[in-house]
Amino acid sequence: WTSEKCNRLYDYAASKPKNISNFFGYQVGEAIVHFCEYFVPDIKNCNV
């Protein structure tokens, strides 16, 4: 598993709409933003 092979695998998986629900950001992205807003009072002035 070289970097190139891993990238090809992820690119392939990402190109299939049925796989979208398997991605971490898709599953918990909204909760992560909520968590960040709670703990970083001035998040609108931050760079994430």
All heavy atoms as atom14 arrays in JSON, in Angstrom:
{
  "sequence": "WTSEKCNRLYDYAASKPKNISNFFGYQVGEAIVHFCEYFVPDIKNCNV",
  "atom14_mask": [
    [1, 1, 1, 1, 1, 1, 1, 1, 1, 1, 1, 1, 1, 1],
    [1, 1, 1, 1, 1, 1, 1, 0, 0, 0, 0, 0, 0, 0],
    [1, 1, 1, 1, 1, 1, 0, 0, 0, 0, 0, 0, 0, 0],
    [1, 1, 1, 1, 1, 1, 1, 1, 1, 0, 0, 0, 0, 0],
    [1, 1, 1, 1, 1, 1, 1, 1, 1, 0, 0, 0, 0, 0],
    [1, 1, 1, 1, 1, 1, 0, 0, 0, 0, 0, 0, 0, 0],
    [1, 1, 1, 1, 1, 1, 1, 1, 0, 0, 0, 0, 0, 0],
    [1, 1, 1, 1, 1, 1, 1, 1, 1, 1, 1, 0, 0, 0],
    [1, 1, 1, 1, 1, 1, 1, 1, 0, 0, 0, 0, 0, 0],
    [1, 1, 1, 1, 1, 1, 1, 1, 1, 1, 1, 1, 0, 0],
    [1, 1, 1, 1, 1, 1, 1, 1, 0, 0, 0, 0, 0, 0],
    [1, 1, 1, 1, 1, 1, 1, 1, 1, 1, 1, 1, 0, 0],
    [1, 1, 1, 1, 1, 0, 0, 0, 0, 0, 0, 0, 0, 0],
    [1, 1, 1, 1, 1, 0, 0, 0, 0, 0, 0, 0, 0, 0],
    [1, 1, 1, 1, 1, 1, 0, 0, 0, 0, 0, 0, 0, 0],
    [1, 1, 1, 1, 1, 1, 1, 1, 1, 0, 0, 0, 0, 0],
    [1, 1, 1, 1, 1, 1, 1, 0, 0, 0, 0, 0, 0, 0],
    [1, 1, 1, 1, 1, 1, 1, 1, 1, 0, 0, 0, 0, 0],
    [1, 1, 1, 1, 1, 1, 1, 1, 0, 0, 0, 0, 0, 0],
    [1, 1, 1, 1, 1, 1, 1, 1, 0, 0, 0, 0, 0, 0],
    [1, 1, 1, 1, 1, 1, 0, 0, 0, 0, 0, 0, 0, 0],
    [1, 1, 1, 1, 1, 1, 1, 1, 0, 0, 0, 0, 0, 0],
    [1, 1, 1, 1, 1, 1, 1, 1, 1, 1, 1, 0, 0, 0],
    [1, 1, 1, 1, 1, 1, 1, 1, 1, 1, 1, 0, 0, 0],
    [1, 1, 1, 1, 0, 0, 0, 0, 0, 0, 0, 0, 0, 0],
    [1, 1, 1, 1, 1, 1, 1, 1, 1, 1, 1, 1, 0, 0],
    [1, 1, 1, 1, 1, 1, 1, 1, 1, 0, 0, 0, 0, 0],
    [1, 1, 1, 1, 1, 1, 1, 0, 0, 0, 0, 0, 0, 0],
    [1, 1, 1, 1, 0, 0, 0, 0, 0, 0, 0, 0, 0, 0],
    [1, 1, 1, 1, 1, 1, 1, 1, 1, 0, 0, 0, 0, 0],
    [1, 1, 1, 1, 1, 0, 0, 0, 0, 0, 0, 0, 0, 0],
    [1, 1, 1, 1, 1, 1, 1, 1, 0, 0, 0, 0, 0, 0],
    [1, 1, 1, 1, 1, 1, 1, 0, 0, 0, 0, 0, 0, 0],
    [1, 1, 1, 1, 1, 1, 1, 1, 1, 1, 0, 0, 0, 0],
    [1, 1, 1, 1, 1, 1, 1, 1, 1, 1, 1, 0, 0, 0],
    [1, 1, 1, 1, 1, 1, 0, 0, 0, 0, 0, 0, 0, 0],
    [1, 1, 1, 1, 1, 1, 1, 1, 1, 0, 0, 0, 0, 0],
    [1, 1, 1, 1, 1, 1, 1, 1, 1, 1, 1, 1, 0, 0],
    [1, 1, 1, 1, 1, 1, 1, 1, 1, 1, 1, 0, 0, 0],
    [1, 1, 1, 1, 1, 1, 1, 0, 0, 0, 0, 0, 0, 0],
    [1, 1, 1, 1, 1, 1, 1, 0, 0, 0, 0, 0, 0, 0],
    [1, 1, 1, 1, 1, 1, 1, 1, 0, 0, 0, 0, 0, 0],
    [1, 1, 1, 1, 1, 1, 1, 1, 0, 0, 0, 0, 0, 0],
    [1, 1, 1, 1, 1, 1, 1, 1, 1, 0, 0, 0, 0, 0],
    [1, 1, 1, 1, 1, 1, 1, 1, 0, 0, 0, 0, 0, 0],
    [1, 1, 1, 1, 1, 1, 0, 0, 0, 0, 0, 0, 0, 0],
    [1, 1, 1, 1, 1, 1, 1, 1, 0, 0, 0, 0, 0, 0],
    [1, 1, 1, 1, 1, 1, 1, 0, 0, 0, 0, 0, 0, 0]
  ],
  "atom14_positions": [
    [[0.82, -1.2, 0.0], [0.0, 0.0, 0.0], [0.86, 1.25, 0.0], [1.21, 1.79, 1.03], [-0.97, -0.01, 1.19], [-2.06, -0.99, 0.97], [-2.19, -2.22, 1.53], [-3.17, -0.83, 0.1], [-3.31, -2.84, 1.05], [-3.94, -2.02, 0.18], [-3.61, 0.17, -0.76], [-5.11, -2.2, -0.56], [-4.77, -0.01, -1.48], [-5.5, -1.19, -1.37]],
    [[1.18, 1.72, -1.2], [1.93, 2.96, -1.36], [0.95, 4.13, -1.28], [-0.28, 3.94, -1.35], [2.62, 2.99, -2.72], [1.61, 2.97, -3.75], [3.57, 1.81, -2.9], [0.0, 0.0, 0.0], [0.0, 0.0, 0.0], [0.0, 0.0, 0.0], [0.0, 0.0, 0.0], [0.0, 0.0, 0.0], [0.0, 0.0, 0.0], [0.0, 0.0, 0.0]],
    [[1.47, 5.34, -1.16], [0.61, 6.53, -1.15], [-0.22, 6.61, -2.42], [-1.41, 6.93, -2.37], [1.45, 7.8, -1.02], [2.08, 7.85, 0.22], [0.0, 0.0, 0.0], [0.0, 0.0, 0.0], [0.0, 0.0, 0.0], [0.0, 0.0, 0.0], [0.0, 0.0, 0.0], [0.0, 0.0, 0.0], [0.0, 0.0, 0.0], [0.0, 0.0, 0.0]],
    [[0.39, 6.29, -3.54], [-0.33, 6.34, -4.82], [-1.5, 5.36, -4.83], [-2.6, 5.69, -5.25], [0.61, 6.03, -5.98], [-0.09, 6.03, -7.32], [0.79, 5.57, -8.47], [2.02, 5.52, -8.31], [0.23, 5.23, -9.52], [0.0, 0.0, 0.0], [0.0, 0.0, 0.0], [0.0, 0.0, 0.0], [0.0, 0.0, 0.0], [0.0, 0.0, 0.0]],
    [[-1.28, 4.13, -4.36], [-2.35, 3.13, -4.34], [-3.47, 3.52, -3.37], [-4.65, 3.33, -3.67], [-1.8, 1.75, -4.0], [-1.01, 1.15, -5.14], [-0.45, -0.2, -4.79], [0.4, -0.73, -5.94], [1.1, -1.95, -5.58], [0.0, 0.0, 0.0], [0.0, 0.0, 0.0], [0.0, 0.0, 0.0], [0.0, 0.0, 0.0], [0.0, 0.0, 0.0]],
    [[-3.1, 4.06, -2.22], [-4.11, 4.51, -1.26], [-4.95, 5.64, -1.87], [-6.18, 5.63, -1.75], [-3.45, 4.99, 0.03], [-2.75, 3.67, 1.03], [0.0, 0.0, 0.0], [0.0, 0.0, 0.0], [0.0, 0.0, 0.0], [0.0, 0.0, 0.0], [0.0, 0.0, 0.0], [0.0, 0.0, 0.0], [0.0, 0.0, 0.0], [0.0, 0.0, 0.0]],
    [[-4.3, 6.58, -2.53], [-5.02, 7.69, -3.16], [-5.96, 7.18, -4.24], [-7.1, 7.65, -4.35], [-4.04, 8.7, -3.76], [-3.31, 9.47, -2.69], [-3.77, 9.56, -1.55], [-2.17, 10.02, -3.04], [0.0, 0.0, 0.0], [0.0, 0.0, 0.0], [0.0, 0.0, 0.0], [0.0, 0.0, 0.0], [0.0, 0.0, 0.0], [0.0, 0.0, 0.0]],
    [[-5.5, 6.22, -5.04], [-6.37, 5.66, -6.08], [-7.58, 4.97, -5.47], [-8.7, 5.08, -5.99], [-5.58, 4.69, -6.96], [-4.66, 5.43, -7.92], [-3.86, 4.56, -8.87], [-4.38, 3.25, -9.15], [-3.64, 2.17, -9.3], [-2.33, 2.23, -9.18], [-4.19, 1.01, -9.57], [0.0, 0.0, 0.0], [0.0, 0.0, 0.0], [0.0, 0.0, 0.0]],
    [[-7.38, 4.26, -4.36], [-8.48, 3.59, -3.68], [-9.51, 4.62, -3.17], [-10.71, 4.48, -3.39], [-7.98, 2.73, -2.53], [-9.07, 2.1, -1.65], [-9.89, 1.1, -2.45], [-8.46, 1.44, -0.44], [0.0, 0.0, 0.0], [0.0, 0.0, 0.0], [0.0, 0.0, 0.0], [0.0, 0.0, 0.0], [0.0, 0.0, 0.0], [0.0, 0.0, 0.0]],
    [[-9.02, 5.66, -2.48], [-9.93, 6.69, -1.96], [-10.63, 7.44, -3.09], [-11.81, 7.76, -2.98], [-9.19, 7.66, -1.04], [-8.97, 7.08, 0.33], [-7.69, 6.79, 0.79], [-10.04, 6.81, 1.18], [-7.48, 6.25, 2.05], [-9.84, 6.26, 2.44], [-8.57, 6.0, 2.87], [-8.36, 5.47, 4.1], [0.0, 0.0, 0.0], [0.0, 0.0, 0.0]],
    [[-9.9, 7.75, -4.16], [-10.52, 8.42, -5.3], [-11.63, 7.56, -5.91], [-12.7, 8.06, -6.26], [-9.49, 8.77, -6.38], [-8.59, 9.92, -5.99], [-8.9, 10.64, -5.02], [-7.55, 10.09, -6.66], [0.0, 0.0, 0.0], [0.0, 0.0, 0.0], [0.0, 0.0, 0.0], [0.0, 0.0, 0.0], [0.0, 0.0, 0.0], [0.0, 0.0, 0.0]],
    [[-11.35, 6.27, -6.01], [-12.36, 5.36, -6.56], [-13.59, 5.31, -5.64], [-14.72, 5.44, -6.1], [-11.78, 3.95, -6.73], [-12.84, 2.95, -7.13], [-13.28, 2.89, -8.45], [-13.4, 2.08, -6.21], [-14.26, 1.98, -8.83], [-14.38, 1.18, -6.57], [-14.81, 1.13, -7.89], [-15.79, 0.25, -8.25], [0.0, 0.0, 0.0], [0.0, 0.0, 0.0]],
    [[-13.36, 5.15, -4.35], [-14.48, 5.08, -3.4], [-15.28, 6.38, -3.41], [-16.52, 6.36, -3.39], [-13.96, 4.78, -1.99], [0.0, 0.0, 0.0], [0.0, 0.0, 0.0], [0.0, 0.0, 0.0], [0.0, 0.0, 0.0], [0.0, 0.0, 0.0], [0.0, 0.0, 0.0], [0.0, 0.0, 0.0], [0.0, 0.0, 0.0], [0.0, 0.0, 0.0]],
    [[-14.58, 7.5, -3.5], [-15.26, 8.79, -3.49], [-16.07, 9.03, -4.76], [-17.02, 9.79, -4.77], [-14.25, 9.91, -3.31], [0.0, 0.0, 0.0], [0.0, 0.0, 0.0], [0.0, 0.0, 0.0], [0.0, 0.0, 0.0], [0.0, 0.0, 0.0], [0.0, 0.0, 0.0], [0.0, 0.0, 0.0], [0.0, 0.0, 0.0], [0.0, 0.0, 0.0]],
    [[-15.7, 8.36, -5.84], [-16.42, 8.55, -7.11], [-17.73, 7.79, -7.17], [-18.5, 7.95, -8.11], [-15.52, 8.13, -8.28], [-15.4, 6.72, -8.33], [0.0, 0.0, 0.0], [0.0, 0.0, 0.0], [0.0, 0.0, 0.0], [0.0, 0.0, 0.0], [0.0, 0.0, 0.0], [0.0, 0.0, 0.0], [0.0, 0.0, 0.0], [0.0, 0.0, 0.0]],
    [[-18.0, 6.97, -6.17], [-19.23, 6.17, -6.15], [-20.21, 6.77, -5.15], [-19.98, 6.71, -3.94], [-18.92, 4.72, -5.75], [-17.88, 4.04, -6.64], [-18.35, 3.95, -8.06], [-17.31, 3.33, -8.94], [-17.52, 3.6, -10.33], [0.0, 0.0, 0.0], [0.0, 0.0, 0.0], [0.0, 0.0, 0.0], [0.0, 0.0, 0.0], [0.0, 0.0, 0.0]],
    [[-21.3, 7.37, -5.62], [-22.24, 8.03, -4.73], [-22.75, 7.16, -3.58], [-23.01, 7.66, -2.49], [-23.39, 8.43, -5.65], [-22.77, 8.54, -7.0], [-21.68, 7.49, -7.02], [0.0, 0.0, 0.0], [0.0, 0.0, 0.0], [0.0, 0.0, 0.0], [0.0, 0.0, 0.0], [0.0, 0.0, 0.0], [0.0, 0.0, 0.0], [0.0, 0.0, 0.0]],
    [[-22.85, 5.87, -3.79], [-23.36, 4.99, -2.73], [-22.41, 4.92, -1.54], [-22.79, 4.53, -0.45], [-23.64, 3.59, -3.26], [-22.39, 2.82, -3.66], [-22.7, 1.43, -4.13], [-21.4, 0.7, -4.43], [-21.58, -0.69, -4.65], [0.0, 0.0, 0.0], [0.0, 0.0, 0.0], [0.0, 0.0, 0.0], [0.0, 0.0, 0.0], [0.0, 0.0, 0.0]],
    [[-21.15, 5.32, -1.73], [-20.16, 5.27, -0.65], [-20.12, 6.52, 0.21], [-19.4, 6.56, 1.2], [-18.76, 5.03, -1.24], [-18.6, 3.66, -1.83], [-19.27, 2.72, -1.43], [-17.71, 3.53, -2.79], [0.0, 0.0, 0.0], [0.0, 0.0, 0.0], [0.0, 0.0, 0.0], [0.0, 0.0, 0.0], [0.0, 0.0, 0.0], [0.0, 0.0, 0.0]],
    [[-20.87, 7.54, -0.15], [-20.77, 8.82, 0.55], [-21.0, 8.68, 2.06], [-20.33, 9.33, 2.86], [-21.73, 9.87, -0.06], [-21.38, 11.26, 0.46], [-23.17, 9.54, 0.22], [-22.1, 12.37, -0.26], [0.0, 0.0, 0.0], [0.0, 0.0, 0.0], [0.0, 0.0, 0.0], [0.0, 0.0, 0.0], [0.0, 0.0, 0.0], [0.0, 0.0, 0.0]],
    [[-21.9, 7.81, 2.45], [-22.2, 7.68, 3.88], [-21.1, 6.98, 4.66], [-21.14, 6.93, 5.88], [-23.53, 6.93, 4.07], [-23.42, 5.61, 3.57], [0.0, 0.0, 0.0], [0.0, 0.0, 0.0], [0.0, 0.0, 0.0], [0.0, 0.0, 0.0], [0.0, 0.0, 0.0], [0.0, 0.0, 0.0], [0.0, 0.0, 0.0], [0.0, 0.0, 0.0]],
    [[-20.09, 6.46, 3.99], [-18.97, 5.81, 4.67], [-17.89, 6.79, 5.1], [-17.01, 6.43, 5.87], [-18.33, 4.75, 3.77], [-19.26, 3.6, 3.49], [-20.1, 3.26, 4.3], [-19.12, 3.01, 2.32], [0.0, 0.0, 0.0], [0.0, 0.0, 0.0], [0.0, 0.0, 0.0], [0.0, 0.0, 0.0], [0.0, 0.0, 0.0], [0.0, 0.0, 0.0]],
    [[-17.95, 8.02, 4.62], [-16.9, 8.98, 4.9], [-17.13, 9.67, 6.24], [-18.24, 10.09, 6.57], [-16.79, 10.0, 3.77], [-16.17, 9.41, 2.53], [-16.97, 8.87, 1.54], [-14.79, 9.38, 2.38], [-16.4, 8.32, 0.4], [-14.21, 8.82, 1.25], [-15.02, 8.29, 0.26], [0.0, 0.0, 0.0], [0.0, 0.0, 0.0], [0.0, 0.0, 0.0]],
    [[-16.03, 9.81, 7.0], [-16.08, 10.37, 8.34], [-16.73, 11.75, 8.38], [-17.61, 12.02, 9.19], [-14.64, 10.43, 8.91], [-14.55, 11.05, 10.25], [-14.9, 10.34, 11.39], [-14.09, 12.35, 10.39], [-14.81, 10.91, 12.64], [-13.98, 12.93, 11.65], [-14.34, 12.21, 12.77], [0.0, 0.0, 0.0], [0.0, 0.0, 0.0], [0.0, 0.0, 0.0]],
    [[-16.27, 12.64, 7.51], [-16.81, 14.0, 7.49], [-18.29, 14.05, 7.18], [-19.02, 14.9, 7.7], [0.0, 0.0, 0.0], [0.0, 0.0, 0.0], [0.0, 0.0, 0.0], [0.0, 0.0, 0.0], [0.0, 0.0, 0.0], [0.0, 0.0, 0.0], [0.0, 0.0, 0.0], [0.0, 0.0, 0.0], [0.0, 0.0, 0.0], [0.0, 0.0, 0.0]],
    [[-18.75, 13.13, 6.38], [-20.18, 13.06, 6.05], [-20.97, 12.59, 7.27], [-22.04, 13.11, 7.56], [-20.4, 12.1, 4.87], [-21.84, 11.98, 4.47], [-22.41, 12.91, 3.6], [-22.64, 10.95, 4.95], [-23.74, 12.81, 3.22], [-23.96, 10.84, 4.57], [-24.51, 11.77, 3.71], [-25.83, 11.67, 3.34], [0.0, 0.0, 0.0], [0.0, 0.0, 0.0]],
    [[-20.44, 11.62, 7.99], [-21.14, 11.04, 9.13], [-21.22, 11.99, 10.33], [-22.25, 12.06, 10.98], [-20.46, 9.74, 9.58], [-20.57, 8.62, 8.6], [-19.8, 7.39, 9.05], [-19.12, 7.38, 10.07], [-19.9, 6.32, 8.28], [0.0, 0.0, 0.0], [0.0, 0.0, 0.0], [0.0, 0.0, 0.0], [0.0, 0.0, 0.0], [0.0, 0.0, 0.0]],
    [[-20.12, 12.66, 10.64], [-20.08, 13.43, 11.89], [-19.69, 14.9, 11.69], [-19.44, 15.61, 12.67], [-19.11, 12.77, 12.9], [-19.59, 11.4, 13.29], [-17.7, 12.72, 12.37], [0.0, 0.0, 0.0], [0.0, 0.0, 0.0], [0.0, 0.0, 0.0], [0.0, 0.0, 0.0], [0.0, 0.0, 0.0], [0.0, 0.0, 0.0], [0.0, 0.0, 0.0]],
    [[-19.66, 15.37, 10.46], [-19.24, 16.74, 10.18], [-20.03, 17.79, 10.93], [-19.46, 18.72, 11.51], [0.0, 0.0, 0.0], [0.0, 0.0, 0.0], [0.0, 0.0, 0.0], [0.0, 0.0, 0.0], [0.0, 0.0, 0.0], [0.0, 0.0, 0.0], [0.0, 0.0, 0.0], [0.0, 0.0, 0.0], [0.0, 0.0, 0.0], [0.0, 0.0, 0.0]],
    [[-21.33, 17.67, 10.93], [-22.17, 18.65, 11.61], [-21.88, 18.67, 13.12], [-21.79, 19.73, 13.73], [-23.65, 18.34, 11.36], [-24.59, 19.41, 11.8], [-26.03, 19.13, 11.41], [-26.28, 18.23, 10.57], [-26.9, 19.82, 11.95], [0.0, 0.0, 0.0], [0.0, 0.0, 0.0], [0.0, 0.0, 0.0], [0.0, 0.0, 0.0], [0.0, 0.0, 0.0]],
    [[-21.69, 17.5, 13.71], [-21.38, 17.41, 15.14], [-20.0, 18.02, 15.45], [-19.82, 18.66, 16.49], [-21.43, 15.96, 15.61], [0.0, 0.0, 0.0], [0.0, 0.0, 0.0], [0.0, 0.0, 0.0], [0.0, 0.0, 0.0], [0.0, 0.0, 0.0], [0.0, 0.0, 0.0], [0.0, 0.0, 0.0], [0.0, 0.0, 0.0], [0.0, 0.0, 0.0]],
    [[-19.04, 17.83, 14.55], [-17.71, 18.41, 14.76], [-17.79, 19.94, 14.76], [-17.2, 20.6, 15.61], [-16.72, 17.91, 13.69], [-16.41, 16.44, 13.94], [-15.44, 18.75, 13.69], [-15.6, 15.79, 12.84], [0.0, 0.0, 0.0], [0.0, 0.0, 0.0], [0.0, 0.0, 0.0], [0.0, 0.0, 0.0], [0.0, 0.0, 0.0], [0.0, 0.0, 0.0]],
    [[-18.53, 20.5, 13.83], [-18.69, 21.95, 13.79], [-19.37, 22.44, 15.06], [-18.93, 23.43, 15.67], [-19.47, 22.39, 12.53], [-19.75, 23.88, 12.56], [-18.7, 22.01, 11.27], [0.0, 0.0, 0.0], [0.0, 0.0, 0.0], [0.0, 0.0, 0.0], [0.0, 0.0, 0.0], [0.0, 0.0, 0.0], [0.0, 0.0, 0.0], [0.0, 0.0, 0.0]],
    [[-20.4, 21.76, 15.49], [-21.1, 22.13, 16.72], [-20.14, 22.08, 17.91], [-20.12, 22.99, 18.75], [-22.31, 21.22, 16.95], [-23.06, 21.53, 18.18], [-23.84, 22.66, 18.32], [-23.16, 20.85, 19.37], [-24.37, 22.67, 19.52], [-23.97, 21.58, 20.18], [0.0, 0.0, 0.0], [0.0, 0.0, 0.0], [0.0, 0.0, 0.0], [0.0, 0.0, 0.0]],
    [[-19.35, 21.04, 18.0], [-18.36, 20.88, 19.07], [-17.37, 22.06, 19.05], [-17.07, 22.65, 20.09], [-17.62, 19.55, 18.87], [-16.54, 19.27, 19.87], [-16.85, 18.67, 21.07], [-15.23, 19.59, 19.6], [-15.85, 18.39, 22.0], [-14.22, 19.33, 20.51], [-14.54, 18.73, 21.72], [0.0, 0.0, 0.0], [0.0, 0.0, 0.0], [0.0, 0.0, 0.0]],
    [[-16.88, 22.39, 17.86], [-15.93, 23.5, 17.73], [-16.56, 24.83, 18.13], [-15.93, 25.65, 18.81], [-15.4, 23.58, 16.31], [-14.31, 22.21, 15.86], [0.0, 0.0, 0.0], [0.0, 0.0, 0.0], [0.0, 0.0, 0.0], [0.0, 0.0, 0.0], [0.0, 0.0, 0.0], [0.0, 0.0, 0.0], [0.0, 0.0, 0.0], [0.0, 0.0, 0.0]],
    [[-17.8, 25.05, 17.73], [-18.49, 26.29, 18.09], [-18.65, 26.41, 19.59], [-18.55, 27.5, 20.16], [-19.87, 26.35, 17.43], [-19.84, 26.61, 15.95], [-21.22, 26.59, 15.32], [-22.0, 25.67, 15.63], [-21.5, 27.5, 14.53], [0.0, 0.0, 0.0], [0.0, 0.0, 0.0], [0.0, 0.0, 0.0], [0.0, 0.0, 0.0], [0.0, 0.0, 0.0]],
    [[-18.88, 25.29, 20.26], [-19.07, 25.28, 21.71], [-17.77, 25.62, 22.44], [-17.78, 26.39, 23.41], [-19.59, 23.91, 22.16], [-19.87, 23.82, 23.62], [-21.06, 24.33, 24.15], [-18.95, 23.23, 24.48], [-21.32, 24.26, 25.51], [-19.2, 23.16, 25.85], [-20.39, 23.67, 26.35], [-20.64, 23.6, 27.7], [0.0, 0.0, 0.0], [0.0, 0.0, 0.0]],
    [[-16.65, 25.06, 21.99], [-15.39, 25.21, 22.71], [-14.51, 26.37, 22.21], [-13.55, 26.74, 22.88], [-14.59, 23.91, 22.68], [-15.15, 22.88, 23.61], [-15.91, 21.84, 23.12], [-14.94, 22.98, 24.97], [-16.45, 20.89, 23.98], [-15.47, 22.04, 25.84], [-16.23, 20.99, 25.35], [0.0, 0.0, 0.0], [0.0, 0.0, 0.0], [0.0, 0.0, 0.0]],
    [[-14.82, 26.92, 21.06], [-14.04, 28.04, 20.52], [-15.0, 29.22, 20.39], [-15.71, 29.35, 19.4], [-13.4, 27.7, 19.16], [-12.57, 28.86, 18.63], [-12.57, 26.42, 19.25], [0.0, 0.0, 0.0], [0.0, 0.0, 0.0], [0.0, 0.0, 0.0], [0.0, 0.0, 0.0], [0.0, 0.0, 0.0], [0.0, 0.0, 0.0], [0.0, 0.0, 0.0]],
    [[-15.03, 30.08, 21.41], [-16.03, 31.15, 21.45], [-16.01, 32.09, 20.25], [-17.05, 32.56, 19.81], [-15.68, 31.93, 22.72], [-14.67, 31.13, 23.45], [-14.12, 30.11, 22.53], [0.0, 0.0, 0.0], [0.0, 0.0, 0.0], [0.0, 0.0, 0.0], [0.0, 0.0, 0.0], [0.0, 0.0, 0.0], [0.0, 0.0, 0.0], [0.0, 0.0, 0.0]],
    [[-14.85, 32.36, 19.67], [-14.75, 33.3, 18.57], [-14.38, 32.58, 17.27], [-13.54, 33.05, 16.5], [-13.7, 34.36, 18.93], [-13.82, 35.61, 18.07], [-14.9, 35.83, 17.49], [-12.83, 36.34, 17.97], [0.0, 0.0, 0.0], [0.0, 0.0, 0.0], [0.0, 0.0, 0.0], [0.0, 0.0, 0.0], [0.0, 0.0, 0.0], [0.0, 0.0, 0.0]],
    [[-15.01, 31.45, 17.02], [-14.62, 30.6, 15.88], [-14.79, 31.3, 14.53], [-14.09, 30.99, 13.59], [-15.36, 29.25, 15.9], [-14.65, 28.27, 14.96], [-16.83, 29.43, 15.57], [-15.03, 26.84, 15.14], [0.0, 0.0, 0.0], [0.0, 0.0, 0.0], [0.0, 0.0, 0.0], [0.0, 0.0, 0.0], [0.0, 0.0, 0.0], [0.0, 0.0, 0.0]],
    [[-15.68, 32.26, 14.44], [-15.89, 32.95, 13.16], [-14.66, 33.76, 12.76], [-14.5, 34.12, 11.6], [-17.11, 33.87, 13.24], [-18.39, 33.14, 13.56], [-19.21, 32.91, 12.35], [-20.56, 32.37, 12.8], [-21.18, 31.5, 11.91], [0.0, 0.0, 0.0], [0.0, 0.0, 0.0], [0.0, 0.0, 0.0], [0.0, 0.0, 0.0], [0.0, 0.0, 0.0]],
    [[-13.77, 34.04, 13.72], [-12.54, 34.77, 13.42], [-11.32, 33.85, 13.38], [-10.19, 34.32, 13.38], [-12.33, 35.89, 14.45], [-13.36, 36.98, 14.27], [-13.67, 37.37, 13.16], [-13.92, 37.43, 15.37], [0.0, 0.0, 0.0], [0.0, 0.0, 0.0], [0.0, 0.0, 0.0], [0.0, 0.0, 0.0], [0.0, 0.0, 0.0], [0.0, 0.0, 0.0]],
    [[-11.56, 32.56, 13.36], [-10.47, 31.58, 13.29], [-10.31, 31.08, 11.87], [-11.18, 31.29, 11.03], [-10.78, 30.38, 14.2], [-10.77, 30.77, 15.94], [0.0, 0.0, 0.0], [0.0, 0.0, 0.0], [0.0, 0.0, 0.0], [0.0, 0.0, 0.0], [0.0, 0.0, 0.0], [0.0, 0.0, 0.0], [0.0, 0.0, 0.0], [0.0, 0.0, 0.0]],
    [[-9.21, 30.4, 11.63], [-8.97, 29.71, 10.37], [-8.84, 28.24, 10.67], [-7.93, 27.82, 11.39], [-7.69, 30.23, 9.7], [-7.84, 31.66, 9.25], [-8.77, 31.99, 8.54], [-6.95, 32.52, 9.69], [0.0, 0.0, 0.0], [0.0, 0.0, 0.0], [0.0, 0.0, 0.0], [0.0, 0.0, 0.0], [0.0, 0.0, 0.0], [0.0, 0.0, 0.0]],
    [[-9.75, 27.44, 10.14], [-9.79, 26.0, 10.38], [-9.09, 25.28, 9.23], [-9.25, 25.67, 8.07], [-11.26, 25.51, 10.5], [-11.32, 24.01, 10.66], [-11.95, 26.23, 11.66], [0.0, 0.0, 0.0], [0.0, 0.0, 0.0], [0.0, 0.0, 0.0], [0.0, 0.0, 0.0], [0.0, 0.0, 0.0], [0.0, 0.0, 0.0], [0.0, 0.0, 0.0]]
  ]
}
